[in-house]
C-alpha cells in the first residue's frame, strides 16, 4: 500500500509541480492515515479494503484527540486527493471520499501592518551597508508586489523588466504570473544589483537575484531571521512574518480602491474566495472611518 502513496507523491511533484514542502504535508497526512488503518483493520493488503467508514473513523479519531478543524480538513483534503489519483490511474474503481465534505473552518483574519508601520519596518535597513541595501530591496519588493517568500527568493535577475515595470514569478504548482512593480521597488532593486550584489556574488554565472553574505542564494530561514531582526528593531508590537507583508500589500490595495479580481491576479490565488478574506479587513477599516468621521456615528 505504501507504494501507491509513493506513486501519488511522485505525481504531485512531477505532474502537478507542487513544492517539496507541500508534498511532505501530503505524505505526513497519508502516513498517519495508513498507521491508523493498520491498527484498526486486520486485512489492509490493498486500498480496496478501505471503506468510507474507515475514513470517517480516522477523522473522528483526530477530533477526539483535540486536533484543530483546520488539521482535520487538511487530512481529508489529502485523502481525497489521493483517492482521486487512485481512480484516475485505474488502481481503484470507486472513490469512497466522493460524498465526504470538508468541515468548514472559520478563517482567521491575517495580521496587517498600517502604511506607517510598513514604512517604519523598511526604514530599519541600513542602506549604507551592502547587506542593508539588499534587505531594503527585498522588503520593498515583497511589500510592493505581494510575492510569497518562496517566489521572492527564487527570482532571477532576468525575471525583472525594469523598463516596463513588471516581474515574472512562478507560484504554487509552478504557475507563471506577471506582476507590476512600483517605482520604489524598482529604484531599490536596481541600487542593490549595481552596488551590493556585485560585492556579494562569488560565481559570476549565478543568476538568482537575492544572495546571502556568502554569495549563495538566500534561504527561507535566512530571510525569516533577517525579517525578525528588523521587526524587533522597529518596536512594532505585532507579529511580523513574510506573509504579513503580503497581507498588507493586498489590504492596502483594496482600501485604496483596487479591483478584487486584479488583486487576485497579482497574488496568484487560483480561487477568488481566497482573496475575499481581505474584504473583511477593508470593511472593518470602513467602519472605523465611519465611526470617526460621521457626525451621528
Foldseek 3Di string as FASTA:
>chain_A
DVVLLVVLLCCCCPPLVADPVVSVLLVVLVVLLVVQCVVVDPDPPDPVVDALVSLVVSLVVCVVVPHDLVSSLSSLVSLQSSLVVCCVVVVDVDRRCPPPDRDDDDDDQDAADDPVLLVLLLVLQDCVDLVSLLLSLLSLFCLQQLEFPVFSLQDFPVQDDLVVQWGWTADGSRRIAITGGDPVSSVSLVCSVVPRLVVQADDPVDGGRRADNNNHGDDQVNSQVVSVVSVVVSVDPDDDGSNNSSLNSLLVCVLVPHDLVVNCRSNVPPDSVVSCSSVVVSVVVVVVCCVVPPPVD
